[in-house]
N, C-alpha and C. Protein backbone atom coordinates (compact mmCIF):
# COMPACT_ATOMS: atom_id res chain seq x y z
N ASP A 1 13.04 -17.32 -15.28
CA ASP A 1 12.36 -18.18 -16.24
C ASP A 1 11.65 -17.30 -17.26
N PRO A 2 12.18 -17.19 -18.49
CA PRO A 2 11.55 -16.33 -19.50
C PRO A 2 10.10 -16.73 -19.79
N ASP A 3 9.81 -18.04 -19.74
CA ASP A 3 8.44 -18.48 -20.01
C ASP A 3 7.48 -17.97 -18.94
N LEU A 4 7.92 -18.00 -17.68
CA LEU A 4 7.09 -17.49 -16.59
C LEU A 4 6.84 -16.00 -16.77
N MET A 5 7.89 -15.27 -17.10
CA MET A 5 7.73 -13.84 -17.29
C MET A 5 6.77 -13.53 -18.42
N GLN A 6 6.90 -14.27 -19.52
CA GLN A 6 6.04 -14.01 -20.67
C GLN A 6 4.60 -14.36 -20.35
N ALA A 7 4.40 -15.50 -19.66
CA ALA A 7 3.04 -15.90 -19.29
C ALA A 7 2.40 -14.87 -18.36
N THR A 8 3.20 -14.35 -17.42
CA THR A 8 2.68 -13.36 -16.48
C THR A 8 2.30 -12.08 -17.18
N THR A 9 3.17 -11.58 -18.03
CA THR A 9 2.87 -10.32 -18.72
C THR A 9 1.71 -10.50 -19.70
N ASP A 10 1.62 -11.66 -20.36
CA ASP A 10 0.50 -11.92 -21.27
C ASP A 10 -0.82 -11.92 -20.50
N PHE A 11 -0.81 -12.59 -19.34
CA PHE A 11 -2.02 -12.63 -18.53
C PHE A 11 -2.41 -11.24 -18.06
N ALA A 12 -1.42 -10.46 -17.60
CA ALA A 12 -1.70 -9.11 -17.12
C ALA A 12 -2.24 -8.24 -18.23
N ALA A 13 -1.66 -8.36 -19.42
CA ALA A 13 -2.13 -7.56 -20.55
C ALA A 13 -3.56 -7.95 -20.93
N HIS A 14 -3.85 -9.25 -20.94
CA HIS A 14 -5.21 -9.72 -21.25
C HIS A 14 -6.20 -9.24 -20.20
N ALA A 15 -5.82 -9.36 -18.93
CA ALA A 15 -6.73 -8.98 -17.85
C ALA A 15 -7.04 -7.49 -17.87
N THR A 16 -5.99 -6.66 -18.00
CA THR A 16 -6.21 -5.22 -17.97
C THR A 16 -6.96 -4.74 -19.21
N GLY A 17 -6.84 -5.48 -20.29
CA GLY A 17 -7.58 -5.12 -21.49
C GLY A 17 -9.03 -5.56 -21.47
N ASN A 18 -9.40 -6.32 -20.44
CA ASN A 18 -10.76 -6.84 -20.37
C ASN A 18 -11.45 -6.48 -19.05
N GLY A 19 -11.07 -5.34 -18.49
CA GLY A 19 -11.84 -4.80 -17.38
C GLY A 19 -11.22 -4.89 -16.01
N VAL A 20 -10.10 -5.61 -15.84
CA VAL A 20 -9.48 -5.67 -14.51
C VAL A 20 -8.98 -4.27 -14.14
N GLU A 21 -9.30 -3.83 -12.92
CA GLU A 21 -9.02 -2.46 -12.53
C GLU A 21 -7.67 -2.28 -11.84
N PHE A 22 -7.05 -3.37 -11.35
CA PHE A 22 -5.72 -3.24 -10.77
C PHE A 22 -5.06 -4.61 -10.71
N LEU A 23 -3.73 -4.59 -10.60
CA LEU A 23 -2.93 -5.80 -10.42
C LEU A 23 -2.32 -5.74 -9.03
N PHE A 24 -2.10 -6.90 -8.42
CA PHE A 24 -1.68 -6.92 -7.02
C PHE A 24 -0.61 -7.98 -6.81
N ILE A 25 0.52 -7.57 -6.22
CA ILE A 25 1.56 -8.51 -5.80
C ILE A 25 1.50 -8.58 -4.28
N PRO A 26 0.92 -9.64 -3.71
CA PRO A 26 0.77 -9.72 -2.25
C PRO A 26 2.03 -10.18 -1.56
N ASP A 27 2.06 -9.97 -0.25
CA ASP A 27 3.21 -10.34 0.56
C ASP A 27 3.49 -11.84 0.46
N SER A 28 2.44 -12.67 0.40
CA SER A 28 2.63 -14.12 0.37
C SER A 28 3.35 -14.58 -0.88
N VAL A 29 3.22 -13.83 -1.96
CA VAL A 29 3.91 -14.17 -3.21
C VAL A 29 5.27 -13.49 -3.27
N ALA A 30 5.33 -12.24 -2.88
CA ALA A 30 6.55 -11.46 -3.04
C ALA A 30 7.69 -11.95 -2.17
N ASN A 31 7.38 -12.62 -1.07
CA ASN A 31 8.44 -13.04 -0.16
C ASN A 31 8.80 -14.52 -0.29
N ARG A 32 8.49 -15.12 -1.43
CA ARG A 32 8.95 -16.47 -1.69
C ARG A 32 10.43 -16.45 -2.04
N ARG A 33 11.00 -17.65 -2.20
CA ARG A 33 12.44 -17.72 -2.43
C ARG A 33 12.86 -17.17 -3.78
N ASN A 34 11.95 -17.21 -4.76
CA ASN A 34 12.34 -16.80 -6.10
C ASN A 34 12.16 -15.29 -6.29
N ARG A 35 12.71 -14.50 -5.37
CA ARG A 35 12.55 -13.05 -5.45
C ARG A 35 13.14 -12.46 -6.73
N PRO A 36 14.32 -12.91 -7.18
CA PRO A 36 14.85 -12.32 -8.42
C PRO A 36 13.87 -12.45 -9.59
N GLU A 37 13.22 -13.62 -9.71
CA GLU A 37 12.25 -13.79 -10.79
C GLU A 37 11.08 -12.84 -10.62
N LEU A 38 10.62 -12.68 -9.39
CA LEU A 38 9.48 -11.81 -9.16
C LEU A 38 9.83 -10.35 -9.45
N HIS A 39 11.04 -9.95 -9.11
CA HIS A 39 11.45 -8.59 -9.45
C HIS A 39 11.51 -8.41 -10.96
N ALA A 40 11.95 -9.43 -11.68
CA ALA A 40 11.99 -9.36 -13.13
C ALA A 40 10.58 -9.26 -13.71
N VAL A 41 9.65 -10.01 -13.13
CA VAL A 41 8.26 -9.93 -13.57
C VAL A 41 7.70 -8.54 -13.31
N ALA A 42 8.02 -8.00 -12.11
CA ALA A 42 7.55 -6.66 -11.79
C ALA A 42 8.08 -5.64 -12.79
N ALA A 43 9.34 -5.79 -13.15
CA ALA A 43 9.93 -4.87 -14.12
C ALA A 43 9.25 -5.00 -15.47
N SER A 44 8.87 -6.21 -15.85
CA SER A 44 8.22 -6.42 -17.15
C SER A 44 6.83 -5.80 -17.17
N LEU A 45 6.20 -5.65 -15.99
CA LEU A 45 4.88 -5.03 -15.92
C LEU A 45 4.96 -3.53 -16.19
N ASN A 46 6.17 -3.01 -16.26
CA ASN A 46 6.37 -1.60 -16.56
C ASN A 46 5.71 -1.22 -17.88
N GLY A 47 5.66 -2.17 -18.80
CA GLY A 47 5.08 -1.90 -20.11
C GLY A 47 3.57 -1.91 -20.12
N ILE A 48 2.95 -2.37 -19.03
CA ILE A 48 1.49 -2.44 -18.98
C ILE A 48 1.02 -1.28 -18.10
N ALA A 49 0.95 -0.11 -18.67
CA ALA A 49 0.62 1.08 -17.89
C ALA A 49 -0.81 1.54 -18.11
N ALA A 50 -1.53 0.94 -19.06
CA ALA A 50 -2.89 1.39 -19.33
C ALA A 50 -3.73 0.25 -19.90
N THR A 51 -5.02 0.33 -19.70
CA THR A 51 -5.93 -0.67 -20.25
C THR A 51 -6.26 -0.30 -21.68
N ALA A 52 -7.07 -1.15 -22.33
CA ALA A 52 -7.51 -0.86 -23.68
C ALA A 52 -8.36 0.42 -23.72
N ARG A 53 -8.90 0.82 -22.55
CA ARG A 53 -9.70 2.03 -22.48
C ARG A 53 -8.83 3.27 -22.32
N GLY A 54 -7.53 3.05 -22.20
CA GLY A 54 -6.62 4.19 -22.05
C GLY A 54 -6.53 4.71 -20.64
N LEU A 55 -6.92 3.89 -19.65
CA LEU A 55 -6.87 4.31 -18.26
C LEU A 55 -5.71 3.63 -17.55
N ASP A 56 -5.17 4.32 -16.54
CA ASP A 56 -4.10 3.73 -15.75
C ASP A 56 -4.61 2.51 -14.99
N VAL A 57 -3.80 1.46 -14.96
CA VAL A 57 -4.11 0.27 -14.18
C VAL A 57 -3.11 0.21 -13.04
N PRO A 58 -3.52 0.52 -11.83
CA PRO A 58 -2.57 0.52 -10.72
C PRO A 58 -2.01 -0.87 -10.45
N LEU A 59 -0.77 -0.90 -10.06
CA LEU A 59 -0.13 -2.11 -9.57
C LEU A 59 0.11 -1.92 -8.08
N TRP A 60 -0.60 -2.69 -7.26
CA TRP A 60 -0.44 -2.63 -5.81
C TRP A 60 0.63 -3.63 -5.39
N ILE A 61 1.57 -3.19 -4.57
CA ILE A 61 2.65 -4.06 -4.11
C ILE A 61 2.66 -4.09 -2.59
N ASP A 62 2.41 -5.28 -2.03
CA ASP A 62 2.42 -5.47 -0.57
C ASP A 62 3.48 -6.53 -0.29
N ALA A 63 4.74 -6.10 -0.29
CA ALA A 63 5.86 -7.04 -0.22
C ALA A 63 6.77 -6.78 0.96
N GLY A 64 6.22 -6.19 2.03
CA GLY A 64 7.04 -5.95 3.21
C GLY A 64 8.24 -5.09 2.88
N VAL A 65 9.40 -5.47 3.40
CA VAL A 65 10.61 -4.67 3.22
C VAL A 65 11.07 -4.64 1.76
N GLU A 66 10.53 -5.53 0.93
CA GLU A 66 10.90 -5.55 -0.49
C GLU A 66 10.04 -4.60 -1.32
N THR A 67 9.04 -3.97 -0.72
CA THR A 67 8.06 -3.19 -1.48
C THR A 67 8.70 -2.08 -2.30
N VAL A 68 9.56 -1.28 -1.67
CA VAL A 68 10.15 -0.15 -2.37
C VAL A 68 11.03 -0.63 -3.52
N ARG A 69 11.75 -1.73 -3.29
CA ARG A 69 12.59 -2.26 -4.36
C ARG A 69 11.74 -2.73 -5.54
N PHE A 70 10.62 -3.39 -5.24
CA PHE A 70 9.70 -3.78 -6.31
C PHE A 70 9.24 -2.56 -7.10
N ALA A 71 8.82 -1.53 -6.38
CA ALA A 71 8.32 -0.33 -7.03
C ALA A 71 9.39 0.31 -7.91
N ARG A 72 10.62 0.29 -7.44
CA ARG A 72 11.72 0.85 -8.23
C ARG A 72 11.96 0.01 -9.49
N ASP A 73 11.82 -1.32 -9.36
CA ASP A 73 12.00 -2.19 -10.52
C ASP A 73 10.95 -1.92 -11.60
N VAL A 74 9.73 -1.67 -11.15
CA VAL A 74 8.65 -1.44 -12.11
C VAL A 74 8.88 -0.15 -12.88
N GLY A 75 9.37 0.86 -12.21
CA GLY A 75 9.66 2.12 -12.89
C GLY A 75 8.50 3.09 -12.79
N SER A 76 8.64 4.24 -13.41
CA SER A 76 7.68 5.33 -13.26
C SER A 76 6.59 5.37 -14.31
N ARG A 77 6.66 4.49 -15.33
CA ARG A 77 5.61 4.52 -16.34
C ARG A 77 4.30 4.00 -15.79
N ALA A 78 4.37 2.93 -15.00
CA ALA A 78 3.16 2.36 -14.43
C ALA A 78 2.76 3.12 -13.17
N LEU A 79 1.47 3.05 -12.84
CA LEU A 79 0.97 3.65 -11.62
C LEU A 79 1.08 2.61 -10.50
N VAL A 80 2.07 2.80 -9.61
CA VAL A 80 2.39 1.80 -8.59
C VAL A 80 2.07 2.36 -7.21
N HIS A 81 1.37 1.53 -6.40
CA HIS A 81 1.05 1.91 -5.03
C HIS A 81 1.78 0.97 -4.07
N CYS A 82 2.51 1.53 -3.13
CA CYS A 82 3.27 0.75 -2.16
C CYS A 82 2.47 0.57 -0.87
N VAL A 83 2.20 -0.66 -0.50
CA VAL A 83 1.50 -0.95 0.75
C VAL A 83 2.56 -1.33 1.78
N TYR A 84 3.21 -0.31 2.32
CA TYR A 84 4.32 -0.57 3.25
C TYR A 84 4.40 0.53 4.28
N ASP A 85 4.43 0.13 5.56
CA ASP A 85 4.50 1.06 6.68
C ASP A 85 5.73 0.69 7.52
N PRO A 86 6.84 1.42 7.38
CA PRO A 86 8.06 1.07 8.13
C PRO A 86 7.84 1.05 9.64
N HIS A 87 7.05 1.96 10.16
CA HIS A 87 6.83 2.01 11.61
C HIS A 87 6.08 0.76 12.09
N ALA A 88 5.06 0.35 11.35
CA ALA A 88 4.29 -0.83 11.75
C ALA A 88 5.14 -2.09 11.70
N VAL A 89 5.96 -2.22 10.65
CA VAL A 89 6.81 -3.40 10.52
C VAL A 89 7.85 -3.44 11.63
N ALA A 90 8.44 -2.28 11.95
CA ALA A 90 9.43 -2.21 13.01
C ALA A 90 8.80 -2.54 14.36
N ALA A 91 7.59 -2.03 14.62
CA ALA A 91 6.92 -2.28 15.89
C ALA A 91 6.53 -3.75 16.04
N ALA A 92 6.30 -4.42 14.91
CA ALA A 92 5.93 -5.82 14.95
C ALA A 92 7.14 -6.74 15.10
N GLY A 93 8.32 -6.15 15.26
CA GLY A 93 9.52 -6.96 15.47
C GLY A 93 10.32 -7.24 14.22
N GLY A 94 9.96 -6.57 13.11
CA GLY A 94 10.70 -6.77 11.88
C GLY A 94 12.07 -6.13 11.94
N ASN A 95 12.99 -6.69 11.18
CA ASN A 95 14.36 -6.17 11.14
C ASN A 95 14.39 -4.97 10.20
N VAL A 96 13.86 -3.85 10.70
CA VAL A 96 13.65 -2.67 9.87
C VAL A 96 14.22 -1.44 10.56
N ASP A 97 14.88 -0.61 9.78
CA ASP A 97 15.35 0.70 10.25
C ASP A 97 14.50 1.75 9.54
N PRO A 98 13.46 2.30 10.21
CA PRO A 98 12.57 3.25 9.53
C PRO A 98 13.30 4.40 8.87
N GLU A 99 14.37 4.91 9.50
CA GLU A 99 15.08 6.04 8.90
C GLU A 99 15.69 5.66 7.56
N ALA A 100 16.28 4.47 7.48
CA ALA A 100 16.85 4.02 6.22
C ALA A 100 15.75 3.79 5.19
N ASP A 101 14.61 3.24 5.64
CA ASP A 101 13.50 3.00 4.72
C ASP A 101 12.96 4.31 4.16
N PHE A 102 12.84 5.33 5.00
CA PHE A 102 12.33 6.61 4.51
C PHE A 102 13.32 7.25 3.52
N ALA A 103 14.59 6.98 3.70
CA ALA A 103 15.57 7.46 2.71
C ALA A 103 15.31 6.80 1.37
N GLY A 104 15.03 5.49 1.37
CA GLY A 104 14.72 4.78 0.12
C GLY A 104 13.42 5.24 -0.49
N ILE A 105 12.41 5.48 0.36
CA ILE A 105 11.12 5.96 -0.15
C ILE A 105 11.27 7.36 -0.74
N ALA A 106 12.07 8.19 -0.10
CA ALA A 106 12.32 9.54 -0.64
C ALA A 106 12.99 9.46 -2.00
N ASP A 107 13.95 8.55 -2.15
CA ASP A 107 14.60 8.36 -3.46
C ASP A 107 13.58 7.92 -4.50
N LEU A 108 12.63 7.06 -4.09
CA LEU A 108 11.60 6.60 -5.02
C LEU A 108 10.74 7.78 -5.48
N ILE A 109 10.36 8.65 -4.56
CA ILE A 109 9.55 9.82 -4.93
C ILE A 109 10.31 10.72 -5.90
N ARG A 110 11.61 10.84 -5.70
CA ARG A 110 12.42 11.70 -6.58
C ARG A 110 12.51 11.16 -7.99
N THR A 111 12.29 9.86 -8.18
CA THR A 111 12.35 9.29 -9.53
C THR A 111 11.10 9.59 -10.34
N GLY A 112 10.10 10.25 -9.74
CA GLY A 112 8.87 10.55 -10.45
C GLY A 112 7.75 9.58 -10.15
N HIS A 113 7.87 8.84 -9.04
CA HIS A 113 6.84 7.88 -8.64
C HIS A 113 5.49 8.59 -8.55
N ARG A 114 4.47 8.02 -9.23
CA ARG A 114 3.18 8.70 -9.32
C ARG A 114 2.15 8.21 -8.31
N GLY A 115 2.36 7.04 -7.74
CA GLY A 115 1.37 6.46 -6.85
C GLY A 115 1.70 6.67 -5.39
N ILE A 116 1.05 5.87 -4.54
CA ILE A 116 1.32 5.91 -3.10
C ILE A 116 2.72 5.37 -2.85
N ALA A 117 3.53 6.13 -2.13
CA ALA A 117 4.91 5.72 -1.87
C ALA A 117 5.07 5.07 -0.51
N VAL A 118 4.20 5.40 0.42
CA VAL A 118 4.25 4.83 1.77
C VAL A 118 2.83 4.79 2.31
N THR A 119 2.50 3.71 3.02
CA THR A 119 1.15 3.51 3.54
C THR A 119 1.16 3.48 5.05
N SER A 120 0.29 4.26 5.65
CA SER A 120 0.05 4.15 7.09
C SER A 120 -0.93 3.00 7.26
N ASP A 121 -0.46 1.90 7.84
CA ASP A 121 -1.19 0.63 7.79
C ASP A 121 -1.80 0.27 9.15
N GLY A 122 -3.11 0.44 9.25
CA GLY A 122 -3.79 0.07 10.49
C GLY A 122 -4.15 -1.39 10.58
N ARG A 123 -4.02 -2.12 9.48
CA ARG A 123 -4.43 -3.53 9.46
C ARG A 123 -3.65 -4.38 10.46
N ARG A 124 -2.35 -4.14 10.55
CA ARG A 124 -1.52 -4.94 11.46
C ARG A 124 -2.01 -4.80 12.89
N TRP A 125 -2.38 -3.59 13.27
CA TRP A 125 -2.83 -3.36 14.63
C TRP A 125 -4.21 -3.97 14.86
N HIS A 126 -5.08 -3.83 13.89
CA HIS A 126 -6.41 -4.43 13.99
C HIS A 126 -6.31 -5.95 14.15
N ASN A 127 -5.50 -6.57 13.29
CA ASN A 127 -5.38 -8.03 13.32
C ASN A 127 -4.69 -8.53 14.59
N ALA A 128 -3.96 -7.62 15.27
CA ALA A 128 -3.33 -7.98 16.53
C ALA A 128 -4.26 -7.75 17.72
N GLY A 129 -5.48 -7.24 17.46
CA GLY A 129 -6.45 -7.08 18.53
C GLY A 129 -6.82 -5.66 18.89
N ALA A 130 -6.31 -4.68 18.15
CA ALA A 130 -6.61 -3.28 18.46
C ALA A 130 -8.08 -2.97 18.26
N THR A 131 -8.62 -2.08 19.08
CA THR A 131 -9.98 -1.58 18.88
C THR A 131 -9.96 -0.58 17.73
N GLU A 132 -11.15 -0.16 17.33
CA GLU A 132 -11.25 0.82 16.24
C GLU A 132 -10.52 2.13 16.62
N VAL A 133 -10.70 2.57 17.86
CA VAL A 133 -10.05 3.80 18.30
C VAL A 133 -8.53 3.64 18.31
N GLN A 134 -8.06 2.50 18.79
CA GLN A 134 -6.61 2.27 18.82
C GLN A 134 -6.04 2.18 17.41
N GLU A 135 -6.75 1.49 16.53
CA GLU A 135 -6.28 1.38 15.15
C GLU A 135 -6.16 2.75 14.50
N LEU A 136 -7.18 3.59 14.69
CA LEU A 136 -7.16 4.93 14.12
C LEU A 136 -6.03 5.77 14.71
N ALA A 137 -5.89 5.72 16.03
CA ALA A 137 -4.86 6.53 16.68
C ALA A 137 -3.47 6.18 16.19
N ILE A 138 -3.18 4.88 16.11
CA ILE A 138 -1.85 4.45 15.70
C ILE A 138 -1.62 4.75 14.22
N ALA A 139 -2.64 4.51 13.38
CA ALA A 139 -2.49 4.74 11.95
C ALA A 139 -2.26 6.21 11.65
N VAL A 140 -2.99 7.10 12.32
CA VAL A 140 -2.80 8.53 12.08
C VAL A 140 -1.43 8.97 12.61
N ALA A 141 -1.02 8.44 13.75
CA ALA A 141 0.31 8.76 14.26
C ALA A 141 1.38 8.29 13.28
N SER A 142 1.17 7.13 12.68
CA SER A 142 2.12 6.62 11.69
C SER A 142 2.15 7.52 10.46
N ALA A 143 0.99 8.04 10.07
CA ALA A 143 0.94 8.96 8.92
C ALA A 143 1.74 10.22 9.21
N VAL A 144 1.59 10.76 10.41
CA VAL A 144 2.36 11.95 10.80
C VAL A 144 3.85 11.62 10.84
N GLY A 145 4.18 10.42 11.35
CA GLY A 145 5.57 10.00 11.37
C GLY A 145 6.16 9.86 9.99
N ALA A 146 5.36 9.34 9.05
CA ALA A 146 5.84 9.22 7.67
C ALA A 146 6.07 10.59 7.05
N LEU A 147 5.16 11.52 7.34
CA LEU A 147 5.33 12.89 6.83
C LEU A 147 6.63 13.49 7.35
N HIS A 148 6.88 13.34 8.66
CA HIS A 148 8.12 13.87 9.24
C HIS A 148 9.34 13.17 8.65
N GLY A 149 9.23 11.84 8.48
CA GLY A 149 10.36 11.09 7.96
C GLY A 149 10.75 11.51 6.56
N LEU A 150 9.76 11.73 5.70
CA LEU A 150 10.06 12.12 4.31
C LEU A 150 10.53 13.56 4.23
N VAL A 151 9.93 14.44 5.02
CA VAL A 151 10.40 15.83 5.04
C VAL A 151 11.84 15.88 5.53
N GLY A 152 12.16 15.02 6.50
CA GLY A 152 13.53 14.96 6.99
C GLY A 152 14.52 14.49 5.95
N GLU A 153 14.03 13.80 4.92
CA GLU A 153 14.89 13.34 3.83
C GLU A 153 14.91 14.31 2.66
N GLY A 154 14.33 15.50 2.87
CA GLY A 154 14.40 16.53 1.84
C GLY A 154 13.23 16.59 0.89
N ILE A 155 12.17 15.81 1.16
CA ILE A 155 10.98 15.85 0.31
C ILE A 155 10.06 16.97 0.79
N ALA A 156 9.54 17.75 -0.13
CA ALA A 156 8.62 18.83 0.23
C ALA A 156 7.40 18.24 0.93
N ALA A 157 6.87 18.95 1.91
CA ALA A 157 5.75 18.44 2.69
C ALA A 157 4.55 18.09 1.81
N ASP A 158 4.25 18.92 0.82
CA ASP A 158 3.13 18.64 -0.08
C ASP A 158 3.35 17.35 -0.86
N ASP A 159 4.57 17.15 -1.35
CA ASP A 159 4.88 15.93 -2.10
C ASP A 159 4.82 14.70 -1.20
N ALA A 160 5.31 14.84 0.02
CA ALA A 160 5.27 13.73 0.97
C ALA A 160 3.84 13.35 1.31
N TRP A 161 2.99 14.36 1.52
CA TRP A 161 1.59 14.10 1.88
C TRP A 161 0.84 13.48 0.71
N ARG A 162 1.14 13.92 -0.51
CA ARG A 162 0.50 13.33 -1.70
C ARG A 162 0.94 11.90 -1.92
N GLY A 163 2.13 11.55 -1.44
CA GLY A 163 2.63 10.19 -1.62
C GLY A 163 2.20 9.23 -0.52
N LEU A 164 1.32 9.70 0.39
CA LEU A 164 0.91 8.89 1.53
C LEU A 164 -0.47 8.29 1.31
N GLY A 165 -0.66 7.06 1.77
CA GLY A 165 -1.97 6.42 1.76
C GLY A 165 -2.27 5.84 3.13
N LEU A 166 -3.54 5.58 3.39
CA LEU A 166 -3.97 4.99 4.65
C LEU A 166 -4.76 3.73 4.35
N ARG A 167 -4.45 2.64 5.05
CA ARG A 167 -5.15 1.37 4.84
C ARG A 167 -5.65 0.85 6.19
N LEU A 168 -6.96 0.57 6.25
CA LEU A 168 -7.59 0.11 7.47
C LEU A 168 -8.34 -1.19 7.22
N ALA A 169 -8.64 -1.89 8.29
CA ALA A 169 -9.39 -3.14 8.20
C ALA A 169 -10.89 -2.86 8.27
N ALA A 170 -11.65 -3.64 7.52
CA ALA A 170 -13.11 -3.56 7.55
C ALA A 170 -13.65 -4.91 7.99
N ASP A 171 -14.47 -4.91 9.06
CA ASP A 171 -14.97 -6.19 9.55
C ASP A 171 -16.49 -6.28 9.40
N ALA A 172 -17.09 -7.26 10.06
CA ALA A 172 -18.51 -7.56 9.85
C ALA A 172 -19.43 -6.52 10.47
N ASP A 173 -18.94 -5.72 11.40
CA ASP A 173 -19.76 -4.66 12.00
C ASP A 173 -19.74 -3.48 11.03
N GLN A 174 -20.69 -3.47 10.11
CA GLN A 174 -20.64 -2.50 9.01
C GLN A 174 -20.78 -1.06 9.50
N PHE A 175 -21.66 -0.82 10.46
CA PHE A 175 -21.87 0.55 10.90
C PHE A 175 -20.64 1.10 11.62
N LEU A 176 -20.03 0.27 12.45
CA LEU A 176 -18.82 0.71 13.15
C LEU A 176 -17.67 0.91 12.15
N THR A 177 -17.60 0.03 11.15
CA THR A 177 -16.57 0.18 10.11
C THR A 177 -16.74 1.48 9.35
N ILE A 178 -17.98 1.79 8.96
CA ILE A 178 -18.25 3.04 8.25
C ILE A 178 -17.87 4.23 9.11
N ALA A 179 -18.23 4.18 10.40
CA ALA A 179 -17.89 5.27 11.31
C ALA A 179 -16.38 5.42 11.42
N LYS A 180 -15.65 4.31 11.44
CA LYS A 180 -14.19 4.37 11.54
C LYS A 180 -13.58 5.05 10.32
N PHE A 181 -14.07 4.72 9.16
CA PHE A 181 -13.51 5.32 7.95
C PHE A 181 -13.87 6.80 7.84
N ARG A 182 -15.07 7.15 8.28
CA ARG A 182 -15.42 8.57 8.29
C ARG A 182 -14.54 9.34 9.27
N ALA A 183 -14.30 8.74 10.42
CA ALA A 183 -13.42 9.38 11.40
C ALA A 183 -12.01 9.53 10.85
N ALA A 184 -11.54 8.53 10.10
CA ALA A 184 -10.20 8.60 9.51
C ALA A 184 -10.10 9.79 8.55
N ARG A 185 -11.14 10.01 7.77
CA ARG A 185 -11.12 11.15 6.84
C ARG A 185 -11.03 12.48 7.61
N LEU A 186 -11.78 12.58 8.70
CA LEU A 186 -11.76 13.80 9.49
C LEU A 186 -10.39 14.02 10.15
N LEU A 187 -9.80 12.94 10.65
CA LEU A 187 -8.51 13.05 11.31
C LEU A 187 -7.42 13.46 10.33
N LEU A 188 -7.42 12.87 9.14
CA LEU A 188 -6.43 13.23 8.13
C LEU A 188 -6.63 14.67 7.66
N ALA A 189 -7.90 15.08 7.56
CA ALA A 189 -8.18 16.47 7.17
C ALA A 189 -7.65 17.43 8.22
N ARG A 190 -7.76 17.05 9.49
CA ARG A 190 -7.26 17.91 10.57
C ARG A 190 -5.73 17.99 10.54
N VAL A 191 -5.07 16.84 10.29
CA VAL A 191 -3.61 16.85 10.18
C VAL A 191 -3.18 17.77 9.04
N ALA A 192 -3.89 17.68 7.90
CA ALA A 192 -3.56 18.52 6.76
C ALA A 192 -3.78 19.99 7.09
N GLU A 193 -4.86 20.28 7.83
CA GLU A 193 -5.17 21.67 8.17
C GLU A 193 -4.08 22.29 9.03
N VAL A 194 -3.68 21.58 10.08
CA VAL A 194 -2.68 22.16 10.99
C VAL A 194 -1.29 22.17 10.37
N SER A 195 -1.09 21.36 9.32
CA SER A 195 0.22 21.30 8.65
C SER A 195 0.28 22.21 7.44
N GLY A 196 -0.85 22.84 7.09
CA GLY A 196 -0.87 23.72 5.93
C GLY A 196 -0.83 22.98 4.61
N LEU A 197 -1.42 21.79 4.56
CA LEU A 197 -1.40 20.96 3.36
C LEU A 197 -2.79 20.89 2.75
N ASP A 198 -2.84 20.73 1.44
CA ASP A 198 -4.12 20.72 0.73
C ASP A 198 -4.61 19.31 0.39
N ALA A 199 -3.69 18.42 0.08
CA ALA A 199 -4.08 17.09 -0.40
C ALA A 199 -4.72 16.28 0.72
N ARG A 200 -5.53 15.30 0.33
CA ARG A 200 -6.12 14.38 1.30
C ARG A 200 -5.70 12.96 0.91
N PRO A 201 -4.91 12.28 1.73
CA PRO A 201 -4.44 10.93 1.37
C PRO A 201 -5.61 9.98 1.11
N PRO A 202 -5.49 9.13 0.12
CA PRO A 202 -6.54 8.14 -0.15
C PRO A 202 -6.59 7.09 0.96
N ILE A 203 -7.79 6.60 1.24
CA ILE A 203 -7.99 5.58 2.28
C ILE A 203 -8.53 4.33 1.62
N HIS A 204 -7.91 3.19 1.94
CA HIS A 204 -8.33 1.92 1.36
C HIS A 204 -8.69 0.93 2.46
N ALA A 205 -9.59 0.03 2.13
CA ALA A 205 -10.07 -0.96 3.09
C ALA A 205 -9.62 -2.36 2.68
N GLU A 206 -9.38 -3.19 3.69
CA GLU A 206 -9.12 -4.61 3.44
C GLU A 206 -9.94 -5.42 4.45
N THR A 207 -10.52 -6.51 3.99
CA THR A 207 -11.32 -7.35 4.87
C THR A 207 -10.48 -7.82 6.05
N SER A 208 -11.04 -7.70 7.24
CA SER A 208 -10.34 -8.08 8.46
C SER A 208 -10.02 -9.57 8.48
N TRP A 209 -8.75 -9.88 8.69
CA TRP A 209 -8.35 -11.29 8.76
C TRP A 209 -8.79 -11.93 10.07
N ARG A 210 -8.90 -11.14 11.13
CA ARG A 210 -9.21 -11.73 12.42
C ARG A 210 -10.67 -12.15 12.55
N MET A 211 -11.52 -11.73 11.60
CA MET A 211 -12.93 -12.14 11.68
C MET A 211 -13.20 -13.37 10.81
N LEU A 212 -12.19 -13.83 10.07
CA LEU A 212 -12.39 -14.97 9.18
C LEU A 212 -12.17 -16.29 9.90
N GLY A 213 -12.90 -17.31 9.50
CA GLY A 213 -12.76 -18.64 10.09
C GLY A 213 -11.97 -19.56 9.20
N ALA A 214 -11.23 -20.49 9.79
CA ALA A 214 -10.41 -21.43 9.03
C ALA A 214 -11.22 -22.61 8.52
N ARG A 215 -12.35 -22.89 9.14
CA ARG A 215 -13.10 -24.11 8.83
C ARG A 215 -14.38 -23.87 8.05
N GLU A 216 -14.80 -22.63 7.91
CA GLU A 216 -16.06 -22.36 7.22
C GLU A 216 -15.86 -21.28 6.16
N PRO A 217 -15.25 -21.64 5.03
CA PRO A 217 -14.98 -20.64 3.99
C PRO A 217 -16.24 -20.00 3.43
N MET A 218 -17.35 -20.75 3.39
CA MET A 218 -18.57 -20.18 2.86
C MET A 218 -19.10 -19.05 3.76
N MET A 219 -18.94 -19.22 5.07
CA MET A 219 -19.34 -18.16 6.00
C MET A 219 -18.44 -16.93 5.85
N ASN A 220 -17.19 -17.16 5.45
CA ASN A 220 -16.32 -16.01 5.21
C ASN A 220 -16.85 -15.15 4.06
N LEU A 221 -17.43 -15.80 3.07
CA LEU A 221 -18.03 -15.05 1.97
C LEU A 221 -19.19 -14.20 2.46
N VAL A 222 -19.99 -14.77 3.36
CA VAL A 222 -21.11 -14.02 3.93
C VAL A 222 -20.61 -12.83 4.73
N ARG A 223 -19.53 -13.06 5.51
CA ARG A 223 -18.98 -11.96 6.28
C ARG A 223 -18.43 -10.88 5.40
C-alpha cells in the first residue's frame, strides 16, 4: 500500500526531526500477515538515517526469525540494531537452525552493517521464570556462542564482538536489577579479556513482562 508506506515514512521523518531518539519495529507488528508491506516500509526507512540535529536515529528491529531480513531490507545507510538471539529462539522451541542464522548474520555484517547484528537475549529466560543468576549465566553463554558462531562463518573475532549486544529484563526490585546489570558488565569484560578483545558489547534493558498485571495498568506504570 503506497499510502501506508508514505504515511509511515512521513511520520518517522517528523518524529526523528522533533526529538525522537529511535524507531522500533516490535515482534507483535513484524510478524503480522502483511510482512511484504512491512519489509517495504523498513526499506523506505533507509532514507531516514539522521535527525534534524544530524545525529543517527537507530532503528531497532525485534522481529524474531525475520529480523535479519528486515535489517537487510533497510540497508547500511541507517543505524539498525537487531534484537535477535538464535540460541534463545531455538531453545524456546522455534523452528530455527542457529548455524544457518549465523550464516545470514555474517552476511549482514559483511554488507557494512553498523549496528548490533545479533543480541544475546536474557529476556526470554527471565520471562520464563529464570532467576537473575540463571538469566545472566544463559545470556553470557549465548554471547559466547554467538561469538563462536560468527567466527565460524569467517567473521573476525573483533568484528563479531562489536556486532553483539546484550538485552536483559529489569523488574521492580531496583537494587537487584542494578546489581544484575553491573554483573553483566563484569562478565562481558571477562569474556573479552580471555578472548583478547577490546570492545565491550552494549547492554540494554527492557521492563520485565512477568511483573506486569493484566487488570491494573495504572499499577504497571508505577512498577
